[in-house]
Amino acid sequence: MVIDIQSPSLICERARLKGSRKVNERNPQVRSKTERRHDTIFYAKNHEDIPRKLRNVLEPLLFDERIELFRSLASLKQRLCLPNEGRMIAILFAADKEDLMDILSMRYFFCNVQIVLILPSRRKEIVALGHGLRPRFMTYKDADFRELVSVIRKMTGAFGRSNNESGNGTQRLGAYEK
């Protein structure tokens, strides 16, 4: 059995550092920088490929949340290589099978990213490729996007904030409550 004995000066140094973190967390200047604990990014190759129904659903989200838009995989890859303090949420719109294959080739960069994937069709091979990215939520470009909005708001935390800020937040009943 090996016992590691630390010097008193090392213990004091750790205690001093822990104490300074608590002070910094209470400092309003530091808190404002760390208030947002996630980054949300949206990738679509062409703006014209996005269905009007999806654009109508995503535009309010783009204004409510701070979502970064990317039109090329090179710029998306560059952004994914930057350090990130919190979690990252990526909404990926694959316009066709080739676009999905290109996104799939970058799956290494998505290892710590929560993915919401919008697939071009419901064909088995497309769905199988989409599962290769291990998305948190997957939908299709011809689907009803109300679920997509709910999932994104839940992941970003915007759902709870909007209910509480408006003052008319209703209590959600469980499946078996009356």
C-alpha atoms as a PDB file:
ATOM      1  CA  MET A   1       0.000   0.000   0.000  1.00  0.00           C
ATOM      2  CA  VAL A   2       1.407   3.379  -1.023  1.00  0.00           C
ATOM      3  CA  ILE A   3       0.387   6.474   0.926  1.00  0.00           C
ATOM      4  CA  ASP A   4       0.856   9.840  -0.738  1.00  0.00           C
ATOM      5  CA  ILE A   5       1.636  12.538   1.791  1.00  0.00           C
ATOM      6  CA  GLN A   6       1.282  16.079   0.503  1.00  0.00           C
ATOM      7  CA  SER A   7       3.241  18.951   1.906  1.00  0.00           C
ATOM      8  CA  PRO A   8       1.325  21.541   3.950  1.00  0.00           C
ATOM      9  CA  SER A   9       2.322  24.274   1.483  1.00  0.00           C
ATOM     10  CA  LEU A  10       0.705  22.329  -1.396  1.00  0.00           C
ATOM     11  CA  ILE A  11      -2.497  21.864   0.618  1.00  0.00           C
ATOM     12  CA  CYS A  12      -2.564  25.606   1.429  1.00  0.00           C
ATOM     13  CA  GLU A  13      -1.995  26.477  -2.239  1.00  0.00           C
ATOM     14  CA  ARG A  14      -4.929  24.275  -3.325  1.00  0.00           C
ATOM     15  CA  ALA A  15      -7.169  25.805  -0.655  1.00  0.00           C
ATOM     16  CA  ARG A  16      -6.171  29.303  -1.771  1.00  0.00           C
ATOM     17  CA  LEU A  17      -6.985  28.462  -5.399  1.00  0.00           C
ATOM     18  CA  LYS A  18     -10.349  26.961  -4.449  1.00  0.00           C
ATOM     19  CA  GLY A  19     -11.172  30.059  -2.449  1.00  0.00           C
ATOM     20  CA  SER A  20     -10.260  32.351  -5.344  1.00  0.00           C
ATOM     21  CA  ARG A  21     -12.583  30.407  -7.658  1.00  0.00           C
ATOM     22  CA  LYS A  22     -15.492  30.946  -5.316  1.00  0.00           C
ATOM     23  CA  VAL A  23     -14.802  34.672  -5.225  1.00  0.00           C
ATOM     24  CA  ASN A  24     -14.576  34.816  -9.023  1.00  0.00           C
ATOM     25  CA  GLU A  25     -17.861  32.937  -9.418  1.00  0.00           C
ATOM     26  CA  ARG A  26     -19.579  35.586  -7.336  1.00  0.00           C
ATOM     27  CA  ASN A  27     -18.003  38.412  -9.296  1.00  0.00           C
ATOM     28  CA  PRO A  28     -20.661  39.760 -11.719  1.00  0.00           C
ATOM     29  CA  GLN A  29     -18.081  40.538 -14.408  1.00  0.00           C
ATOM     30  CA  VAL A  30     -16.942  36.930 -14.536  1.00  0.00           C
ATOM     31  CA  ARG A  31     -20.507  35.585 -14.320  1.00  0.00           C
ATOM     32  CA  SER A  32     -21.646  37.559 -17.374  1.00  0.00           C
ATOM     33  CA  LYS A  33     -18.958  35.894 -19.483  1.00  0.00           C
ATOM     34  CA  THR A  34     -19.862  32.386 -18.335  1.00  0.00           C
ATOM     35  CA  GLU A  35     -23.640  32.831 -18.224  1.00  0.00           C
ATOM     36  CA  ARG A  36     -24.242  31.081 -21.553  1.00  0.00           C
ATOM     37  CA  ARG A  37     -23.080  27.505 -21.163  1.00  0.00           C
ATOM     38  CA  HIS A  38     -23.535  26.363 -24.738  1.00  0.00           C
ATOM     39  CA  ASP A  39     -22.799  27.394 -28.297  1.00  0.00           C
ATOM     40  CA  THR A  40     -25.296  26.642 -31.044  1.00  0.00           C
ATOM     41  CA  ILE A  41     -24.236  26.332 -34.659  1.00  0.00           C
ATOM     42  CA  PHE A  42     -26.277  25.735 -37.816  1.00  0.00           C
ATOM     43  CA  TYR A  43     -24.879  24.285 -41.028  1.00  0.00           C
ATOM     44  CA  ALA A  44     -26.612  24.317 -44.403  1.00  0.00           C
ATOM     45  CA  LYS A  45     -24.727  24.154 -47.685  1.00  0.00           C
ATOM     46  CA  ASN A  46     -27.144  26.336 -49.654  1.00  0.00           C
ATOM     47  CA  HIS A  47     -29.794  28.682 -48.334  1.00  0.00           C
ATOM     48  CA  GLU A  48     -32.011  27.792 -51.315  1.00  0.00           C
ATOM     49  CA  ASP A  49     -32.031  24.083 -50.393  1.00  0.00           C
ATOM     50  CA  ILE A  50     -33.676  24.737 -47.031  1.00  0.00           C
ATOM     51  CA  PRO A  51     -37.456  24.262 -47.321  1.00  0.00           C
ATOM     52  CA  ARG A  52     -39.557  27.365 -46.643  1.00  0.00           C
ATOM     53  CA  LYS A  53     -41.318  25.569 -43.785  1.00  0.00           C
ATOM     54  CA  LEU A  54     -37.978  24.932 -42.059  1.00  0.00           C
ATOM     55  CA  ARG A  55     -36.817  28.515 -42.662  1.00  0.00           C
ATOM     56  CA  ASN A  56     -40.014  29.862 -41.085  1.00  0.00           C
ATOM     57  CA  VAL A  57     -39.421  27.691 -38.032  1.00  0.00           C
ATOM     58  CA  LEU A  58     -35.703  28.427 -37.655  1.00  0.00           C
ATOM     59  CA  GLU A  59     -35.775  32.213 -38.171  1.00  0.00           C
ATOM     60  CA  PRO A  60     -37.338  32.987 -34.762  1.00  0.00           C
ATOM     61  CA  LEU A  61     -34.784  30.674 -33.150  1.00  0.00           C
ATOM     62  CA  LEU A  62     -31.968  32.493 -34.905  1.00  0.00           C
ATOM     63  CA  PHE A  63     -33.107  35.761 -33.368  1.00  0.00           C
ATOM     64  CA  ASP A  64     -33.965  34.366 -29.901  1.00  0.00           C
ATOM     65  CA  GLU A  65     -30.739  32.404 -29.499  1.00  0.00           C
ATOM     66  CA  ARG A  66     -27.246  33.283 -30.609  1.00  0.00           C
ATOM     67  CA  ILE A  67     -26.786  30.757 -33.391  1.00  0.00           C
ATOM     68  CA  GLU A  68     -23.736  30.820 -35.639  1.00  0.00           C
ATOM     69  CA  LEU A  69     -24.457  30.092 -39.322  1.00  0.00           C
ATOM     70  CA  PHE A  70     -22.073  28.140 -41.551  1.00  0.00           C
ATOM     71  CA  ARG A  71     -22.353  27.606 -45.309  1.00  0.00           C
ATOM     72  CA  SER A  72     -19.190  25.570 -45.900  1.00  0.00           C
ATOM     73  CA  LEU A  73     -17.743  22.518 -44.235  1.00  0.00           C
ATOM     74  CA  ALA A  74     -14.322  24.175 -44.154  1.00  0.00           C
ATOM     75  CA  SER A  75     -15.593  27.055 -42.015  1.00  0.00           C
ATOM     76  CA  LEU A  76     -17.571  24.618 -39.844  1.00  0.00           C
ATOM     77  CA  LYS A  77     -14.463  22.496 -39.322  1.00  0.00           C
ATOM     78  CA  GLN A  78     -12.500  25.610 -38.403  1.00  0.00           C
ATOM     79  CA  ARG A  79     -15.123  26.545 -35.796  1.00  0.00           C
ATOM     80  CA  LEU A  80     -15.202  23.035 -34.334  1.00  0.00           C
ATOM     81  CA  CYS A  81     -11.429  23.182 -33.825  1.00  0.00           C
ATOM     82  CA  LEU A  82     -11.737  26.261 -31.591  1.00  0.00           C
ATOM     83  CA  PRO A  83     -11.805  25.696 -27.825  1.00  0.00           C
ATOM     84  CA  ASN A  84     -15.248  25.607 -26.280  1.00  0.00           C
ATOM     85  CA  GLU A  85     -15.940  26.236 -22.594  1.00  0.00           C
ATOM     86  CA  GLY A  86     -19.432  24.777 -22.447  1.00  0.00           C
ATOM     87  CA  ARG A  87     -21.300  22.294 -24.541  1.00  0.00           C
ATOM     88  CA  MET A  88     -21.889  22.743 -28.247  1.00  0.00           C
ATOM     89  CA  ILE A  89     -25.108  22.037 -30.122  1.00  0.00           C
ATOM     90  CA  ALA A  90     -24.954  21.596 -33.907  1.00  0.00           C
ATOM     91  CA  ILE A  91     -28.021  21.720 -36.150  1.00  0.00           C
ATOM     92  CA  LEU A  92     -26.915  20.079 -39.392  1.00  0.00           C
ATOM     93  CA  PHE A  93     -29.007  20.226 -42.566  1.00  0.00           C
ATOM     94  CA  ALA A  94     -27.884  17.710 -45.185  1.00  0.00           C
ATOM     95  CA  ALA A  95     -29.276  18.796 -48.557  1.00  0.00           C
ATOM     96  CA  ASP A  96     -28.508  15.493 -50.306  1.00  0.00           C
ATOM     97  CA  LYS A  97     -26.633  12.222 -49.893  1.00  0.00           C
ATOM     98  CA  GLU A  98     -23.298  13.729 -50.995  1.00  0.00           C
ATOM     99  CA  ASP A  99     -23.636  16.518 -48.434  1.00  0.00           C
ATOM    100  CA  LEU A 100     -24.410  13.931 -45.740  1.00  0.00           C
ATOM    101  CA  MET A 101     -21.333  11.920 -46.759  1.00  0.00           C
ATOM    102  CA  ASP A 102     -19.197  15.073 -46.487  1.00  0.00           C
ATOM    103  CA  ILE A 103     -20.584  15.783 -43.011  1.00  0.00           C
ATOM    104  CA  LEU A 104     -20.024  12.151 -42.049  1.00  0.00           C
ATOM    105  CA  SER A 105     -16.384  12.402 -43.109  1.00  0.00           C
ATOM    106  CA  MET A 106     -15.968  15.044 -40.370  1.00  0.00           C
ATOM    107  CA  ARG A 107     -17.501  12.918 -37.607  1.00  0.00           C
ATOM    108  CA  TYR A 108     -14.257  13.063 -35.609  1.00  0.00           C
ATOM    109  CA  PHE A 109     -14.823  16.797 -35.066  1.00  0.00           C
ATOM    110  CA  PHE A 110     -18.330  16.165 -33.702  1.00  0.00           C
ATOM    111  CA  CYS A 111     -17.209  13.868 -30.864  1.00  0.00           C
ATOM    112  CA  ASN A 112     -18.143  16.366 -28.096  1.00  0.00           C
ATOM    113  CA  VAL A 113     -21.030  18.003 -29.952  1.00  0.00           C
ATOM    114  CA  GLN A 114     -24.742  17.359 -29.471  1.00  0.00           C
ATOM    115  CA  ILE A 115     -26.119  16.948 -32.992  1.00  0.00           C
ATOM    116  CA  VAL A 116     -29.578  17.669 -34.344  1.00  0.00           C
ATOM    117  CA  LEU A 117     -29.658  16.220 -37.860  1.00  0.00           C
ATOM    118  CA  ILE A 118     -32.061  17.053 -40.694  1.00  0.00           C
ATOM    119  CA  LEU A 119     -31.862  14.389 -43.401  1.00  0.00           C
ATOM    120  CA  PRO A 120     -32.784  14.849 -47.090  1.00  0.00           C
ATOM    121  CA  SER A 121     -34.996  11.740 -47.316  1.00  0.00           C
ATOM    122  CA  ARG A 122     -36.379   8.762 -45.397  1.00  0.00           C
ATOM    123  CA  ARG A 123     -34.547   6.102 -47.423  1.00  0.00           C
ATOM    124  CA  LYS A 124     -32.936   3.372 -45.319  1.00  0.00           C
ATOM    125  CA  GLU A 125     -29.421   4.043 -46.584  1.00  0.00           C
ATOM    126  CA  ILE A 126     -29.715   7.771 -45.777  1.00  0.00           C
ATOM    127  CA  VAL A 127     -31.059   7.055 -42.284  1.00  0.00           C
ATOM    128  CA  ALA A 128     -28.263   4.525 -41.680  1.00  0.00           C
ATOM    129  CA  LEU A 129     -25.657   7.103 -42.704  1.00  0.00           C
ATOM    130  CA  GLY A 130     -27.306   9.677 -40.450  1.00  0.00           C
ATOM    131  CA  HIS A 131     -27.063   7.353 -37.458  1.00  0.00           C
ATOM    132  CA  GLY A 132     -23.301   7.264 -38.029  1.00  0.00           C
ATOM    133  CA  LEU A 133     -23.143  10.803 -36.603  1.00  0.00           C
ATOM    134  CA  ARG A 134     -24.932   9.662 -33.418  1.00  0.00           C
ATOM    135  CA  PRO A 135     -27.411  12.560 -33.366  1.00  0.00           C
ATOM    136  CA  ARG A 136     -29.483  13.483 -30.323  1.00  0.00           C
ATOM    137  CA  PHE A 137     -32.450  14.094 -32.629  1.00  0.00           C
ATOM    138  CA  MET A 138     -33.004  13.246 -36.280  1.00  0.00           C
ATOM    139  CA  THR A 139     -35.731  14.482 -38.605  1.00  0.00           C
ATOM    140  CA  TYR A 140     -36.309  14.882 -42.340  1.00  0.00           C
ATOM    141  CA  LYS A 141     -36.559  17.929 -44.562  1.00  0.00           C
ATOM    142  CA  ASP A 142     -40.190  17.135 -45.446  1.00  0.00           C
ATOM    143  CA  ALA A 143     -41.277  16.639 -41.801  1.00  0.00           C
ATOM    144  CA  ASP A 144     -43.309  18.813 -39.468  1.00  0.00           C
ATOM    145  CA  PHE A 145     -40.708  20.900 -37.650  1.00  0.00           C
ATOM    146  CA  ARG A 146     -42.614  21.637 -34.444  1.00  0.00           C
ATOM    147  CA  GLU A 147     -40.798  18.765 -32.725  1.00  0.00           C
ATOM    148  CA  LEU A 148     -37.492  20.130 -33.994  1.00  0.00           C
ATOM    149  CA  VAL A 149     -38.169  23.524 -32.420  1.00  0.00           C
ATOM    150  CA  SER A 150     -39.146  21.895 -29.126  1.00  0.00           C
ATOM    151  CA  VAL A 151     -35.980  19.804 -29.072  1.00  0.00           C
ATOM    152  CA  ILE A 152     -33.735  22.770 -29.881  1.00  0.00           C
ATOM    153  CA  ARG A 153     -35.393  24.958 -27.262  1.00  0.00           C
ATOM    154  CA  LYS A 154     -35.068  22.189 -24.687  1.00  0.00           C
ATOM    155  CA  MET A 155     -31.405  21.584 -25.510  1.00  0.00           C
ATOM    156  CA  THR A 156     -30.527  25.287 -25.403  1.00  0.00           C
ATOM    157  CA  GLY A 157     -32.582  25.957 -22.296  1.00  0.00           C
ATOM    158  CA  ALA A 158     -34.681  28.567 -24.120  1.00  0.00           C
ATOM    159  CA  PHE A 159     -37.915  26.700 -23.381  1.00  0.00           C
ATOM    160  CA  GLY A 160     -37.715  27.274 -19.632  1.00  0.00           C
ATOM    161  CA  ARG A 161     -36.549  30.873 -19.971  1.00  0.00           C
ATOM    162  CA  SER A 162     -39.332  31.909 -22.329  1.00  0.00           C
ATOM    163  CA  ASN A 163     -42.042  30.506 -20.057  1.00  0.00           C
ATOM    164  CA  ASN A 164     -40.607  32.094 -16.938  1.00  0.00           C
ATOM    165  CA  GLU A 165     -39.939  35.468 -18.534  1.00  0.00           C
ATOM    166  CA  SER A 166     -43.436  35.837 -19.923  1.00  0.00           C
ATOM    167  CA  GLY A 167     -44.933  35.143 -16.510  1.00  0.00           C
ATOM    168  CA  ASN A 168     -47.561  32.748 -17.793  1.00  0.00           C
ATOM    169  CA  GLY A 169     -45.613  29.508 -17.421  1.00  0.00           C
ATOM    170  CA  THR A 170     -48.045  26.660 -16.942  1.00  0.00           C
ATOM    171  CA  GLN A 171     -47.276  23.575 -14.952  1.00  0.00           C
ATOM    172  CA  ARG A 172     -46.912  20.547 -17.167  1.00  0.00           C
ATOM    173  CA  LEU A 173     -48.836  17.538 -15.921  1.00  0.00           C
ATOM    174  CA  GLY A 174     -47.238  14.120 -15.882  1.00  0.00           C
ATOM    175  CA  ALA A 175     -48.554  11.289 -18.020  1.00  0.00           C
ATOM    176  CA  TYR A 176     -50.669   9.832 -15.201  1.00  0.00           C
ATOM    177  CA  GLU A 177     -51.721  13.003 -13.367  1.00  0.00           C
ATOM    178  CA  LYS A 178     -55.101  14.663 -13.756  1.00  0.00           C
END
